[in-house]
Each structure stands twice: as structure tokens, then as C-alpha cells.
Amino acid sequence: MSICIVINQDGSFSPSSATPEQCTGYLMVTPQEFNNFTSAANFFVPLTMGQGALIGSAILTVWACAHGFRLLGRMLSTSTGDSE
């Protein structure tokens, strides 16, 4: 459970009964809460090697298709590059 700590006029710290949302000082958290805030598992879904390879090959496939369409468009283009 997190605790709100405020700084007194003399520079000392004292705990406050404020909720974490209303805390105007420092919020002290337990190591477990800190790990929950900063763990990468909260931001990224862990993938297996197979899932990562599937996503990578899908990206490469889309890039290859786009490159192919670009080349096809250049071959079918009737413009010669002249400004006239």
C-alpha cells in the first residue's frame, strides 16, 4: 500500500492521510508496487519465437508486395520522363 509523505517546514518528512490521487508530496510505494509499475509485461505482450517470426515475415511480405507493385507501376507507365 502506498503512503503519501509531505515535507515539513523544517525539512523533515511526515506521513499524510491523503489518498495517492490527492498526494501533494511524495508517494512511497512498496517494491512490489514499483515492479508492477515498471515491468515491461504491463506494456508488451510477451511473444513466442514462432509468433515473432510470423509477425516479421508478415512485415517482409507486405514490403515485398509494395515493392512489386511499384515496379509494375513503373513498367506500365506511359510517361517517358520528358517535360513536354
C-alpha atoms as a PDB file:
ATOM      1  CA  MET A   1       0.000   0.000   0.000  1.00  0.00           C
ATOM      2  CA  SER A   2       1.424   3.368  -0.973  1.00  0.00           C
ATOM      3  CA  ILE A   3       1.895   6.160   1.583  1.00  0.00           C
ATOM      4  CA  CYS A   4       1.820   9.889   0.949  1.00  0.00           C
ATOM      5  CA  ILE A   5       4.775  11.720   2.543  1.00  0.00           C
ATOM      6  CA  VAL A   6       4.857  15.514   2.888  1.00  0.00           C
ATOM      7  CA  ILE A   7       7.833  17.731   3.686  1.00  0.00           C
ATOM      8  CA  ASN A   8       7.502  19.890   6.804  1.00  0.00           C
ATOM      9  CA  GLN A   9       8.837  23.455   7.149  1.00  0.00           C
ATOM     10  CA  ASP A  10      11.934  22.189   8.998  1.00  0.00           C
ATOM     11  CA  GLY A  11      12.756  19.769   6.163  1.00  0.00           C
ATOM     12  CA  SER A  12      11.579  16.638   7.925  1.00  0.00           C
ATOM     13  CA  PHE A  13       9.138  14.161   6.404  1.00  0.00           C
ATOM     14  CA  SER A  14       5.802  13.141   7.855  1.00  0.00           C
ATOM     15  CA  PRO A  15       3.164  10.724   6.571  1.00  0.00           C
ATOM     16  CA  SER A  16      -0.112  12.164   5.326  1.00  0.00           C
ATOM     17  CA  SER A  17      -3.552  10.588   5.255  1.00  0.00           C
ATOM     18  CA  ALA A  18      -4.123  11.817   1.685  1.00  0.00           C
ATOM     19  CA  THR A  19      -5.008   9.296  -0.981  1.00  0.00           C
ATOM     20  CA  PRO A  20      -2.450   8.692  -3.764  1.00  0.00           C
ATOM     21  CA  GLU A  21      -4.552  10.799  -6.145  1.00  0.00           C
ATOM     22  CA  GLN A  22      -4.603  13.739  -3.691  1.00  0.00           C
ATOM     23  CA  CYS A  23      -0.987  13.483  -2.523  1.00  0.00           C
ATOM     24  CA  THR A  24       0.900  16.770  -2.845  1.00  0.00           C
ATOM     25  CA  GLY A  25       4.191  15.457  -1.501  1.00  0.00           C
ATOM     26  CA  TYR A  26       5.967  12.221  -2.331  1.00  0.00           C
ATOM     27  CA  LEU A  27       4.305   8.881  -2.834  1.00  0.00           C
ATOM     28  CA  MET A  28       6.178   5.961  -1.301  1.00  0.00           C
ATOM     29  CA  VAL A  29       5.386   2.574  -2.770  1.00  0.00           C
ATOM     30  CA  THR A  30       6.359  -0.956  -1.874  1.00  0.00           C
ATOM     31  CA  PRO A  31       8.904  -2.806  -4.035  1.00  0.00           C
ATOM     32  CA  GLN A  32       6.115  -4.982  -5.413  1.00  0.00           C
ATOM     33  CA  GLU A  33       4.068  -1.926  -6.469  1.00  0.00           C
ATOM     34  CA  PHE A  34       7.151  -0.381  -8.066  1.00  0.00           C
ATOM     35  CA  ASN A  35       7.811  -3.564 -10.045  1.00  0.00           C
ATOM     36  CA  ASN A  36       4.189  -3.601 -11.206  1.00  0.00           C
ATOM     37  CA  PHE A  37       4.515  -0.001 -12.449  1.00  0.00           C
ATOM     38  CA  THR A  38       7.772  -0.529 -14.300  1.00  0.00           C
ATOM     39  CA  SER A  39       7.551  -4.070 -15.588  1.00  0.00           C
ATOM     40  CA  ALA A  40       7.618  -4.458 -19.350  1.00  0.00           C
ATOM     41  CA  ALA A  41       4.928  -7.127 -19.089  1.00  0.00           C
ATOM     42  CA  ASN A  42       2.385  -4.359 -18.465  1.00  0.00           C
ATOM     43  CA  PHE A  43       3.265  -2.663 -21.755  1.00  0.00           C
ATOM     44  CA  PHE A  44       4.130  -5.502 -24.132  1.00  0.00           C
ATOM     45  CA  VAL A  45       2.536  -8.859 -24.693  1.00  0.00           C
ATOM     46  CA  PRO A  46       5.271 -11.488 -24.495  1.00  0.00           C
ATOM     47  CA  LEU A  47       5.596 -13.354 -27.787  1.00  0.00           C
ATOM     48  CA  THR A  48       6.978 -16.768 -28.511  1.00  0.00           C
ATOM     49  CA  MET A  49       9.715 -17.174 -31.111  1.00  0.00           C
ATOM     50  CA  GLY A  50       7.151 -18.511 -33.580  1.00  0.00           C
ATOM     51  CA  GLN A  51       4.835 -15.551 -33.105  1.00  0.00           C
ATOM     52  CA  GLY A  52       7.707 -13.086 -33.538  1.00  0.00           C
ATOM     53  CA  ALA A  53       8.835 -14.846 -36.708  1.00  0.00           C
ATOM     54  CA  LEU A  54       5.274 -14.774 -38.045  1.00  0.00           C
ATOM     55  CA  ILE A  55       4.990 -11.018 -37.466  1.00  0.00           C
ATOM     56  CA  GLY A  56       8.402 -10.434 -39.053  1.00  0.00           C
ATOM     57  CA  SER A  57       7.578 -12.485 -42.121  1.00  0.00           C
ATOM     58  CA  ALA A  58       4.232 -10.689 -42.466  1.00  0.00           C
ATOM     59  CA  ILE A  59       6.044  -7.342 -42.473  1.00  0.00           C
ATOM     60  CA  LEU A  60       8.505  -8.585 -45.093  1.00  0.00           C
ATOM     61  CA  THR A  61       5.651  -9.936 -47.229  1.00  0.00           C
ATOM     62  CA  VAL A  62       3.830  -6.605 -47.202  1.00  0.00           C
ATOM     63  CA  TRP A  63       7.078  -4.800 -48.094  1.00  0.00           C
ATOM     64  CA  ALA A  64       7.762  -7.222 -50.968  1.00  0.00           C
ATOM     65  CA  CYS A  65       4.227  -6.762 -52.345  1.00  0.00           C
ATOM     66  CA  ALA A  66       4.565  -2.983 -52.191  1.00  0.00           C
ATOM     67  CA  HIS A  67       7.925  -3.168 -53.951  1.00  0.00           C
ATOM     68  CA  GLY A  68       6.432  -5.422 -56.635  1.00  0.00           C
ATOM     69  CA  PHE A  69       3.526  -3.067 -57.250  1.00  0.00           C
ATOM     70  CA  ARG A  70       5.949  -0.172 -57.524  1.00  0.00           C
ATOM     71  CA  LEU A  71       7.973  -1.987 -60.171  1.00  0.00           C
ATOM     72  CA  LEU A  72       4.801  -2.991 -62.003  1.00  0.00           C
ATOM     73  CA  GLY A  73       3.625   0.604 -61.973  1.00  0.00           C
ATOM     74  CA  ARG A  74       6.918   1.760 -63.440  1.00  0.00           C
ATOM     75  CA  MET A  75       6.766  -0.854 -66.214  1.00  0.00           C
ATOM     76  CA  LEU A  76       3.183   0.065 -67.164  1.00  0.00           C
ATOM     77  CA  SER A  77       3.796   3.796 -67.008  1.00  0.00           C
ATOM     78  CA  THR A  78       3.474   5.548 -70.368  1.00  0.00           C
ATOM     79  CA  SER A  79       5.402   8.634 -69.367  1.00  0.00           C
ATOM     80  CA  THR A  80       8.974   8.856 -70.584  1.00  0.00           C
ATOM     81  CA  GLY A  81      10.124  11.389 -68.060  1.00  0.00           C
ATOM     82  CA  ASP A  82      10.226  14.217 -70.639  1.00  0.00           C
ATOM     83  CA  SER A  83       8.812  17.540 -69.588  1.00  0.00           C
ATOM     84  CA  GLU A  84       6.916  18.031 -72.878  1.00  0.00           C
END
